[in-house]
Amino acid sequence: LANNSEALSLYNAGRSKKTWGNVLFYGGIGLVATNLI
């Protein structure tokens, strides 16, 4: 995607959203599980 800057920026935005979604999701699961245990 390096030749198409618009597609590259959209792809990078999607990957960063995936990373933040995973951090929030698994962090939340960790907090809930730890507190319940």
Full PDB file with SEQRES, HELIX, SHEET, SSBOND, CRYST1, ORIGX, SCALE, CONECT and MASTER records, all heavy atoms in Angstrom:
SEQRES   1 A   37  LEU ALA ASN ASN SER GLU ALA LEU SER LEU TYR ASN ALA          
SEQRES   2 A   37  GLY ARG SER LYS LYS THR TRP GLY ASN VAL LEU PHE TYR          
SEQRES   3 A   37  GLY GLY ILE GLY LEU VAL ALA THR ASN LEU ILE                  
HELIX    1 AA1 SER A    5  LEU A   36  1                                  32    
CRYST1    1.000    1.000    1.000  90.00  90.00  90.00 P 1           1          
ORIGX1      1.000000  0.000000  0.000000        0.00000                         
ORIGX2      0.000000  1.000000  0.000000        0.00000                         
ORIGX3      0.000000  0.000000  1.000000        0.00000                         
SCALE1      1.000000  0.000000  0.000000        0.00000                         
SCALE2      0.000000  1.000000  0.000000        0.00000                         
SCALE3      0.000000  0.000000  1.000000        0.00000                         
ATOM      1  N   LEU A   1       0.807  -1.222   0.000  1.00  0.00           N  
ATOM      2  CA  LEU A   1       0.000   0.000   0.000  1.00  0.00           C  
ATOM      3  C   LEU A   1       0.841   1.274   0.000  1.00  0.00           C  
ATOM      4  O   LEU A   1       0.297   2.371   0.035  1.00  0.00           O  
ATOM      5  CB  LEU A   1      -0.927   0.021   1.220  1.00  0.00           C  
ATOM      6  CG  LEU A   1      -1.969  -1.089   1.328  1.00  0.00           C  
ATOM      7  CD1 LEU A   1      -2.748  -0.952   2.612  1.00  0.00           C  
ATOM      8  CD2 LEU A   1      -2.893  -1.087   0.145  1.00  0.00           C  
ATOM      9  N   ALA A   2       2.167   1.151  -0.044  1.00  0.00           N  
ATOM     10  CA  ALA A   2       3.044   2.319   0.059  1.00  0.00           C  
ATOM     11  C   ALA A   2       2.826   3.318  -1.073  1.00  0.00           C  
ATOM     12  O   ALA A   2       2.960   4.526  -0.873  1.00  0.00           O  
ATOM     13  CB  ALA A   2       4.501   1.877   0.094  1.00  0.00           C  
ATOM     14  N   ASN A   3       2.443   2.840  -2.250  1.00  0.00           N  
ATOM     15  CA  ASN A   3       2.234   3.746  -3.387  1.00  0.00           C  
ATOM     16  C   ASN A   3       0.929   4.523  -3.288  1.00  0.00           C  
ATOM     17  O   ASN A   3       0.794   5.586  -3.894  1.00  0.00           O  
ATOM     18  CB  ASN A   3       2.257   2.955  -4.697  1.00  0.00           C  
ATOM     19  CG  ASN A   3       3.610   2.328  -4.944  1.00  0.00           C  
ATOM     20  OD1 ASN A   3       4.617   2.809  -4.453  1.00  0.00           O  
ATOM     21  ND2 ASN A   3       3.619   1.236  -5.695  1.00  0.00           N  
ATOM     22  N   ASN A   4      -0.026   4.007  -2.557  1.00  0.00           N  
ATOM     23  CA  ASN A   4      -1.333   4.653  -2.414  1.00  0.00           C  
ATOM     24  C   ASN A   4      -1.433   5.188  -0.980  1.00  0.00           C  
ATOM     25  O   ASN A   4      -1.773   4.462  -0.056  1.00  0.00           O  
ATOM     26  CB  ASN A   4      -2.437   3.634  -2.713  1.00  0.00           C  
ATOM     27  CG  ASN A   4      -3.789   4.265  -2.853  1.00  0.00           C  
ATOM     28  OD1 ASN A   4      -4.019   5.375  -2.395  1.00  0.00           O  
ATOM     29  ND2 ASN A   4      -4.705   3.546  -3.480  1.00  0.00           N  
ATOM     30  N   SER A   5      -1.133   6.474  -0.809  1.00  0.00           N  
ATOM     31  CA  SER A   5      -1.054   7.041   0.543  1.00  0.00           C  
ATOM     32  C   SER A   5      -2.407   7.043   1.262  1.00  0.00           C  
ATOM     33  O   SER A   5      -2.463   6.853   2.480  1.00  0.00           O  
ATOM     34  CB  SER A   5      -0.481   8.450   0.490  1.00  0.00           C  
ATOM     35  OG  SER A   5      -1.332   9.292  -0.255  1.00  0.00           O  
ATOM     36  N   GLU A   6      -3.482   7.260   0.533  1.00  0.00           N  
ATOM     37  CA  GLU A   6      -4.807   7.273   1.167  1.00  0.00           C  
ATOM     38  C   GLU A   6      -5.178   5.883   1.689  1.00  0.00           C  
ATOM     39  O   GLU A   6      -5.667   5.736   2.808  1.00  0.00           O  
ATOM     40  CB  GLU A   6      -5.851   7.757   0.172  1.00  0.00           C  
ATOM     41  CG  GLU A   6      -7.216   7.962   0.785  1.00  0.00           C  
ATOM     42  CD  GLU A   6      -8.214   8.516  -0.218  1.00  0.00           C  
ATOM     43  OE1 GLU A   6      -7.837   8.797  -1.355  1.00  0.00           O  
ATOM     44  OE2 GLU A   6      -9.376   8.655   0.171  1.00  0.00           O  
ATOM     45  N   ALA A   7      -4.907   4.858   0.888  1.00  0.00           N  
ATOM     46  CA  ALA A   7      -5.189   3.490   1.324  1.00  0.00           C  
ATOM     47  C   ALA A   7      -4.289   3.105   2.496  1.00  0.00           C  
ATOM     48  O   ALA A   7      -4.736   2.441   3.435  1.00  0.00           O  
ATOM     49  CB  ALA A   7      -4.994   2.516   0.166  1.00  0.00           C  
ATOM     50  N   LEU A   8      -3.039   3.550   2.460  1.00  0.00           N  
ATOM     51  CA  LEU A   8      -2.114   3.241   3.558  1.00  0.00           C  
ATOM     52  C   LEU A   8      -2.565   3.895   4.855  1.00  0.00           C  
ATOM     53  O   LEU A   8      -2.533   3.273   5.920  1.00  0.00           O  
ATOM     54  CB  LEU A   8      -0.702   3.687   3.201  1.00  0.00           C  
ATOM     55  CG  LEU A   8       0.377   3.408   4.247  1.00  0.00           C  
ATOM     56  CD1 LEU A   8       0.518   1.916   4.491  1.00  0.00           C  
ATOM     57  CD2 LEU A   8       1.699   4.002   3.802  1.00  0.00           C  
ATOM     58  N   SER A   9      -3.021   5.151   4.791  1.00  0.00           N  
ATOM     59  CA  SER A   9      -3.474   5.821   6.012  1.00  0.00           C  
ATOM     60  C   SER A   9      -4.737   5.162   6.571  1.00  0.00           C  
ATOM     61  O   SER A   9      -4.887   5.023   7.787  1.00  0.00           O  
ATOM     62  CB  SER A   9      -3.698   7.305   5.759  1.00  0.00           C  
ATOM     63  OG  SER A   9      -4.764   7.493   4.862  1.00  0.00           O  
ATOM     64  N   LEU A  10      -5.643   4.720   5.694  1.00  0.00           N  
ATOM     65  CA  LEU A  10      -6.837   4.012   6.159  1.00  0.00           C  
ATOM     66  C   LEU A  10      -6.460   2.672   6.795  1.00  0.00           C  
ATOM     67  O   LEU A  10      -7.015   2.287   7.832  1.00  0.00           O  
ATOM     68  CB  LEU A  10      -7.801   3.772   5.000  1.00  0.00           C  
ATOM     69  CG  LEU A  10      -8.705   4.925   4.623  1.00  0.00           C  
ATOM     70  CD1 LEU A  10      -9.456   4.619   3.338  1.00  0.00           C  
ATOM     71  CD2 LEU A  10      -9.683   5.215   5.733  1.00  0.00           C  
ATOM     72  N   TYR A  11      -5.530   1.972   6.189  1.00  0.00           N  
ATOM     73  CA  TYR A  11      -5.097   0.686   6.740  1.00  0.00           C  
ATOM     74  C   TYR A  11      -4.440   0.880   8.105  1.00  0.00           C  
ATOM     75  O   TYR A  11      -4.734   0.136   9.049  1.00  0.00           O  
ATOM     76  CB  TYR A  11      -4.128  -0.005   5.777  1.00  0.00           C  
ATOM     77  CG  TYR A  11      -3.655  -1.350   6.288  1.00  0.00           C  
ATOM     78  CD1 TYR A  11      -4.483  -2.463   6.246  1.00  0.00           C  
ATOM     79  CD2 TYR A  11      -2.387  -1.491   6.820  1.00  0.00           C  
ATOM     80  CE1 TYR A  11      -4.058  -3.684   6.728  1.00  0.00           C  
ATOM     81  CE2 TYR A  11      -1.956  -2.714   7.302  1.00  0.00           C  
ATOM     82  CZ  TYR A  11      -2.791  -3.804   7.249  1.00  0.00           C  
ATOM     83  OH  TYR A  11      -2.366  -5.019   7.736  1.00  0.00           O  
ATOM     84  N   ASN A  12      -3.569   1.870   8.217  1.00  0.00           N  
ATOM     85  CA  ASN A  12      -2.916   2.133   9.508  1.00  0.00           C  
ATOM     86  C   ASN A  12      -3.928   2.536  10.572  1.00  0.00           C  
ATOM     87  O   ASN A  12      -3.806   2.142  11.734  1.00  0.00           O  
ATOM     88  CB  ASN A  12      -1.839   3.200   9.354  1.00  0.00           C  
ATOM     89  CG  ASN A  12      -0.616   2.670   8.633  1.00  0.00           C  
ATOM     90  OD1 ASN A  12      -0.339   1.485   8.629  1.00  0.00           O  
ATOM     91  ND2 ASN A  12       0.113   3.566   7.997  1.00  0.00           N  
ATOM     92  N   ALA A  13      -4.935   3.324  10.186  1.00  0.00           N  
ATOM     93  CA  ALA A  13      -5.981   3.711  11.140  1.00  0.00           C  
ATOM     94  C   ALA A  13      -6.765   2.484  11.597  1.00  0.00           C  
ATOM     95  O   ALA A  13      -7.089   2.338  12.785  1.00  0.00           O  
ATOM     96  CB  ALA A  13      -6.906   4.743  10.513  1.00  0.00           C  
ATOM     97  N   GLY A  14      -7.060   1.586  10.673  1.00  0.00           N  
ATOM     98  CA  GLY A  14      -7.775   0.360  11.036  1.00  0.00           C  
ATOM     99  C   GLY A  14      -6.961  -0.528  11.957  1.00  0.00           C  
ATOM    100  O   GLY A  14      -7.484  -1.098  12.914  1.00  0.00           O  
ATOM    101  N   ARG A  15      -5.662  -0.643  11.681  1.00  0.00           N  
ATOM    102  CA  ARG A  15      -4.810  -1.470  12.543  1.00  0.00           C  
ATOM    103  C   ARG A  15      -4.666  -0.861  13.941  1.00  0.00           C  
ATOM    104  O   ARG A  15      -4.662  -1.581  14.937  1.00  0.00           O  
ATOM    105  CB  ARG A  15      -3.421  -1.657  11.915  1.00  0.00           C  
ATOM    106  CG  ARG A  15      -3.400  -2.494  10.656  1.00  0.00           C  
ATOM    107  CD  ARG A  15      -3.880  -3.877  10.868  1.00  0.00           C  
ATOM    108  NE  ARG A  15      -2.987  -4.618  11.726  1.00  0.00           N  
ATOM    109  CZ  ARG A  15      -3.066  -5.913  11.964  1.00  0.00           C  
ATOM    110  NH1 ARG A  15      -4.020  -6.614  11.408  1.00  0.00           N  
ATOM    111  NH2 ARG A  15      -2.222  -6.508  12.770  1.00  0.00           N  
ATOM    112  N   SER A  16      -4.566   0.458  14.023  1.00  0.00           N  
ATOM    113  CA  SER A  16      -4.460   1.075  15.355  1.00  0.00           C  
ATOM    114  C   SER A  16      -5.778   0.936  16.117  1.00  0.00           C  
ATOM    115  O   SER A  16      -5.768   0.728  17.337  1.00  0.00           O  
ATOM    116  CB  SER A  16      -4.035   2.536  15.244  1.00  0.00           C  
ATOM    117  OG  SER A  16      -5.028   3.295  14.607  1.00  0.00           O  
ATOM    118  N   LYS A  17      -6.915   1.014  15.401  1.00  0.00           N  
ATOM    119  CA  LYS A  17      -8.199   0.777  16.070  1.00  0.00           C  
ATOM    120  C   LYS A  17      -8.279  -0.657  16.588  1.00  0.00           C  
ATOM    121  O   LYS A  17      -8.804  -0.903  17.679  1.00  0.00           O  
ATOM    122  CB  LYS A  17      -9.364   1.038  15.112  1.00  0.00           C  
ATOM    123  CG  LYS A  17      -9.723   2.489  14.961  1.00  0.00           C  
ATOM    124  CD  LYS A  17     -10.943   2.667  14.114  1.00  0.00           C  
ATOM    125  CE  LYS A  17     -12.173   2.492  14.965  1.00  0.00           C  
ATOM    126  NZ  LYS A  17     -13.398   2.943  14.308  1.00  0.00           N  
ATOM    127  N   LYS A  18      -7.755  -1.594  15.811  1.00  0.00           N  
ATOM    128  CA  LYS A  18      -7.759  -2.993  16.262  1.00  0.00           C  
ATOM    129  C   LYS A  18      -6.915  -3.145  17.521  1.00  0.00           C  
ATOM    130  O   LYS A  18      -7.323  -3.809  18.479  1.00  0.00           O  
ATOM    131  CB  LYS A  18      -7.212  -3.900  15.161  1.00  0.00           C  
ATOM    132  CG  LYS A  18      -7.155  -5.348  15.577  1.00  0.00           C  
ATOM    133  CD  LYS A  18      -6.533  -6.214  14.520  1.00  0.00           C  
ATOM    134  CE  LYS A  18      -6.468  -7.644  15.050  1.00  0.00           C  
ATOM    135  NZ  LYS A  18      -5.759  -8.534  14.176  1.00  0.00           N  
ATOM    136  N   THR A  19      -5.749  -2.509  17.537  1.00  0.00           N  
ATOM    137  CA  THR A  19      -4.867  -2.599  18.700  1.00  0.00           C  
ATOM    138  C   THR A  19      -5.531  -2.013  19.933  1.00  0.00           C  
ATOM    139  O   THR A  19      -5.531  -2.626  21.010  1.00  0.00           O  
ATOM    140  CB  THR A  19      -3.544  -1.880  18.405  1.00  0.00           C  
ATOM    141  OG1 THR A  19      -2.932  -2.485  17.262  1.00  0.00           O  
ATOM    142  CG2 THR A  19      -2.604  -1.964  19.595  1.00  0.00           C  
ATOM    143  N   TRP A  20      -6.108  -0.806  19.806  1.00  0.00           N  
ATOM    144  CA  TRP A  20      -6.766  -0.179  20.958  1.00  0.00           C  
ATOM    145  C   TRP A  20      -7.986  -0.970  21.402  1.00  0.00           C  
ATOM    146  O   TRP A  20      -8.267  -1.084  22.599  1.00  0.00           O  
ATOM    147  CB  TRP A  20      -7.146   1.267  20.645  1.00  0.00           C  
ATOM    148  CG  TRP A  20      -5.976   2.171  20.787  1.00  0.00           C  
ATOM    149  CD1 TRP A  20      -5.289   2.802  19.794  1.00  0.00           C  
ATOM    150  CD2 TRP A  20      -5.333   2.540  22.014  1.00  0.00           C  
ATOM    151  NE1 TRP A  20      -4.261   3.525  20.325  1.00  0.00           N  
ATOM    152  CE2 TRP A  20      -4.260   3.391  21.680  1.00  0.00           C  
ATOM    153  CE3 TRP A  20      -5.555   2.231  23.349  1.00  0.00           C  
ATOM    154  CZ2 TRP A  20      -3.424   3.927  22.639  1.00  0.00           C  
ATOM    155  CZ3 TRP A  20      -4.716   2.764  24.299  1.00  0.00           C  
ATOM    156  CH2 TRP A  20      -3.668   3.611  23.944  1.00  0.00           C  
ATOM    157  N   GLY A  21      -8.730  -1.517  20.472  1.00  0.00           N  
ATOM    158  CA  GLY A  21      -9.869  -2.350  20.846  1.00  0.00           C  
ATOM    159  C   GLY A  21      -9.445  -3.575  21.625  1.00  0.00           C  
ATOM    160  O   GLY A  21     -10.076  -3.951  22.614  1.00  0.00           O  
ATOM    161  N   ASN A  22      -8.351  -4.209  21.191  1.00  0.00           N  
ATOM    162  CA  ASN A  22      -7.845  -5.382  21.914  1.00  0.00           C  
ATOM    163  C   ASN A  22      -7.332  -5.009  23.293  1.00  0.00           C  
ATOM    164  O   ASN A  22      -7.552  -5.737  24.265  1.00  0.00           O  
ATOM    165  CB  ASN A  22      -6.729  -6.060  21.110  1.00  0.00           C  
ATOM    166  CG  ASN A  22      -7.273  -6.830  19.930  1.00  0.00           C  
ATOM    167  OD1 ASN A  22      -8.452  -7.158  19.869  1.00  0.00           O  
ATOM    168  ND2 ASN A  22      -6.411  -7.105  18.974  1.00  0.00           N  
ATOM    169  N   VAL A  23      -6.634  -3.871  23.399  1.00  0.00           N  
ATOM    170  CA  VAL A  23      -6.114  -3.436  24.702  1.00  0.00           C  
ATOM    171  C   VAL A  23      -7.272  -3.188  25.672  1.00  0.00           C  
ATOM    172  O   VAL A  23      -7.246  -3.640  26.825  1.00  0.00           O  
ATOM    173  CB  VAL A  23      -5.236  -2.174  24.555  1.00  0.00           C  
ATOM    174  CG1 VAL A  23      -4.976  -1.510  25.898  1.00  0.00           C  
ATOM    175  CG2 VAL A  23      -3.921  -2.517  23.867  1.00  0.00           C  
ATOM    176  N   LEU A  24      -8.293  -2.482  25.222  1.00  0.00           N  
ATOM    177  CA  LEU A  24      -9.438  -2.209  26.091  1.00  0.00           C  
ATOM    178  C   LEU A  24     -10.191  -3.485  26.446  1.00  0.00           C  
ATOM    179  O   LEU A  24     -10.579  -3.698  27.604  1.00  0.00           O  
ATOM    180  CB  LEU A  24     -10.386  -1.216  25.420  1.00  0.00           C  
ATOM    181  CG  LEU A  24      -9.882   0.214  25.262  1.00  0.00           C  
ATOM    182  CD1 LEU A  24     -10.886   1.049  24.486  1.00  0.00           C  
ATOM    183  CD2 LEU A  24      -9.602   0.839  26.605  1.00  0.00           C  
ATOM    184  N   PHE A  25     -10.409  -4.349  25.464  1.00  0.00           N  
ATOM    185  CA  PHE A  25     -11.179  -5.570  25.704  1.00  0.00           C  
ATOM    186  C   PHE A  25     -10.468  -6.505  26.678  1.00  0.00           C  
ATOM    187  O   PHE A  25     -11.050  -6.924  27.683  1.00  0.00           O  
ATOM    188  CB  PHE A  25     -11.445  -6.276  24.365  1.00  0.00           C  
ATOM    189  CG  PHE A  25     -12.313  -7.488  24.489  1.00  0.00           C  
ATOM    190  CD1 PHE A  25     -13.666  -7.364  24.740  1.00  0.00           C  
ATOM    191  CD2 PHE A  25     -11.777  -8.752  24.362  1.00  0.00           C  
ATOM    192  CE1 PHE A  25     -14.472  -8.478  24.853  1.00  0.00           C  
ATOM    193  CE2 PHE A  25     -12.573  -9.879  24.481  1.00  0.00           C  
ATOM    194  CZ  PHE A  25     -13.925  -9.742  24.721  1.00  0.00           C  
ATOM    195  N   TYR A  26      -9.208  -6.830  26.388  1.00  0.00           N  
ATOM    196  CA  TYR A  26      -8.505  -7.774  27.245  1.00  0.00           C  
ATOM    197  C   TYR A  26      -8.125  -7.152  28.588  1.00  0.00           C  
ATOM    198  O   TYR A  26      -8.058  -7.858  29.596  1.00  0.00           O  
ATOM    199  CB  TYR A  26      -7.289  -8.351  26.530  1.00  0.00           C  
ATOM    200  CG  TYR A  26      -7.702  -9.222  25.360  1.00  0.00           C  
ATOM    201  CD1 TYR A  26      -7.353  -8.878  24.062  1.00  0.00           C  
ATOM    202  CD2 TYR A  26      -8.457 -10.354  25.566  1.00  0.00           C  
ATOM    203  CE1 TYR A  26      -7.756  -9.664  23.000  1.00  0.00           C  
ATOM    204  CE2 TYR A  26      -8.867 -11.143  24.505  1.00  0.00           C  
ATOM    205  CZ  TYR A  26      -8.500 -10.794  23.219  1.00  0.00           C  
ATOM    206  OH  TYR A  26      -8.905 -11.563  22.178  1.00  0.00           O  
ATOM    207  N   GLY A  27      -7.897  -5.854  28.620  1.00  0.00           N  
ATOM    208  CA  GLY A  27      -7.679  -5.176  29.899  1.00  0.00           C  
ATOM    209  C   GLY A  27      -8.922  -5.222  30.765  1.00  0.00           C  
ATOM    210  O   GLY A  27      -8.844  -5.451  31.977  1.00  0.00           O  
ATOM    211  N   GLY A  28     -10.082  -5.019  30.157  1.00  0.00           N  
ATOM    212  CA  GLY A  28     -11.341  -5.109  30.900  1.00  0.00           C  
ATOM    213  C   GLY A  28     -11.606  -6.505  31.413  1.00  0.00           C  
ATOM    214  O   GLY A  28     -12.039  -6.696  32.560  1.00  0.00           O  
ATOM    215  N   ILE A  29     -11.338  -7.493  30.584  1.00  0.00           N  
ATOM    216  CA  ILE A  29     -11.515  -8.882  31.034  1.00  0.00           C  
ATOM    217  C   ILE A  29     -10.572  -9.186  32.200  1.00  0.00           C  
ATOM    218  O   ILE A  29     -10.959  -9.833  33.175  1.00  0.00           O  
ATOM    219  CB  ILE A  29     -11.290  -9.863  29.863  1.00  0.00           C  
ATOM    220  CG1 ILE A  29     -12.471  -9.802  28.905  1.00  0.00           C  
ATOM    221  CG2 ILE A  29     -11.104 -11.289  30.366  1.00  0.00           C  
ATOM    222  CD1 ILE A  29     -12.325 -10.653  27.678  1.00  0.00           C  
ATOM    223  N   GLY A  30      -9.345  -8.693  32.118  1.00  0.00           N  
ATOM    224  CA  GLY A  30      -8.384  -8.911  33.199  1.00  0.00           C  
ATOM    225  C   GLY A  30      -8.833  -8.270  34.496  1.00  0.00           C  
ATOM    226  O   GLY A  30      -8.716  -8.873  35.572  1.00  0.00           O  
ATOM    227  N   LEU A  31      -9.341  -7.033  34.420  1.00  0.00           N  
ATOM    228  CA  LEU A  31      -9.813  -6.358  35.638  1.00  0.00           C  
ATOM    229  C   LEU A  31     -11.002  -7.081  36.260  1.00  0.00           C  
ATOM    230  O   LEU A  31     -11.064  -7.262  37.483  1.00  0.00           O  
ATOM    231  CB  LEU A  31     -10.183  -4.909  35.325  1.00  0.00           C  
ATOM    232  CG  LEU A  31      -9.036  -3.924  35.175  1.00  0.00           C  
ATOM    233  CD1 LEU A  31      -9.566  -2.570  34.729  1.00  0.00           C  
ATOM    234  CD2 LEU A  31      -8.277  -3.785  36.475  1.00  0.00           C  
ATOM    235  N   VAL A  32     -11.954  -7.474  35.434  1.00  0.00           N  
ATOM    236  CA  VAL A  32     -13.136  -8.173  35.957  1.00  0.00           C  
ATOM    237  C   VAL A  32     -12.726  -9.497  36.582  1.00  0.00           C  
ATOM    238  O   VAL A  32     -13.139  -9.826  37.704  1.00  0.00           O  
ATOM    239  CB  VAL A  32     -14.181  -8.382  34.838  1.00  0.00           C  
ATOM    240  CG1 VAL A  32     -15.287  -9.322  35.285  1.00  0.00           C  
ATOM    241  CG2 VAL A  32     -14.778  -7.051  34.416  1.00  0.00           C  
ATOM    242  N   ALA A  33     -11.907 -10.275  35.883  1.00  0.00           N  
ATOM    243  CA  ALA A  33     -11.514 -11.589  36.396  1.00  0.00           C  
ATOM    244  C   ALA A  33     -10.706 -11.457  37.688  1.00  0.00           C  
ATOM    245  O   ALA A  33     -10.938 -12.203  38.645  1.00  0.00           O  
ATOM    246  CB  ALA A  33     -10.711 -12.340  35.338  1.00  0.00           C  
ATOM    247  N   THR A  34      -9.769 -10.520  37.719  1.00  0.00           N  
ATOM    248  CA  THR A  34      -8.948 -10.330  38.917  1.00  0.00           C  
ATOM    249  C   THR A  34      -9.813  -9.931  40.110  1.00  0.00           C  
ATOM    250  O   THR A  34      -9.662 -10.471  41.214  1.00  0.00           O  
ATOM    251  CB  THR A  34      -7.877  -9.262  38.668  1.00  0.00           C  
ATOM    252  OG1 THR A  34      -7.080  -9.671  37.557  1.00  0.00           O  
ATOM    253  CG2 THR A  34      -7.004  -9.058  39.875  1.00  0.00           C  
ATOM    254  N   ASN A  35     -10.727  -8.998  39.895  1.00  0.00           N  
ATOM    255  CA  ASN A  35     -11.576  -8.544  40.998  1.00  0.00           C  
ATOM    256  C   ASN A  35     -12.479  -9.668  41.482  1.00  0.00           C  
ATOM    257  O   ASN A  35     -12.681  -9.818  42.699  1.00  0.00           O  
ATOM    258  CB  ASN A  35     -12.398  -7.334  40.560  1.00  0.00           C  
ATOM    259  CG  ASN A  35     -13.030  -6.634  41.730  1.00  0.00           C  
ATOM    260  OD1 ASN A  35     -14.031  -7.076  42.261  1.00  0.00           O  
ATOM    261  ND2 ASN A  35     -12.428  -5.528  42.125  1.00  0.00           N  
ATOM    262  N   LEU A  36     -13.026 -10.443  40.584  1.00  0.00           N  
ATOM    263  CA  LEU A  36     -13.904 -11.537  41.008  1.00  0.00           C  
ATOM    264  C   LEU A  36     -13.128 -12.628  41.738  1.00  0.00           C  
ATOM    265  O   LEU A  36     -13.604 -13.174  42.735  1.00  0.00           O  
ATOM    266  CB  LEU A  36     -14.639 -12.120  39.801  1.00  0.00           C  
ATOM    267  CG  LEU A  36     -15.695 -11.217  39.181  1.00  0.00           C  
ATOM    268  CD1 LEU A  36     -16.323 -11.884  37.972  1.00  0.00           C  
ATOM    269  CD2 LEU A  36     -16.759 -10.845  40.193  1.00  0.00           C  
ATOM    270  N   ILE A  37     -11.930 -12.942  41.277  1.00  0.00           N  
ATOM    271  CA  ILE A  37     -11.129 -13.963  41.960  1.00  0.00           C  
ATOM    272  C   ILE A  37     -10.732 -13.493  43.355  1.00  0.00           C  
ATOM    273  O   ILE A  37     -10.828 -14.246  44.335  1.00  0.00           O  
ATOM    274  CB  ILE A  37      -9.887 -14.326  41.112  1.00  0.00           C  
ATOM    275  CG1 ILE A  37     -10.330 -15.098  39.875  1.00  0.00           C  
ATOM    276  CG2 ILE A  37      -8.890 -15.140  41.921  1.00  0.00           C  
ATOM    277  CD1 ILE A  37      -9.239 -15.297  38.859  1.00  0.00           C  
TER     278      ILE A  37                                                      
MASTER        0    0    0    1    0    0    0    6  277    1    0    3          
END                                                                             
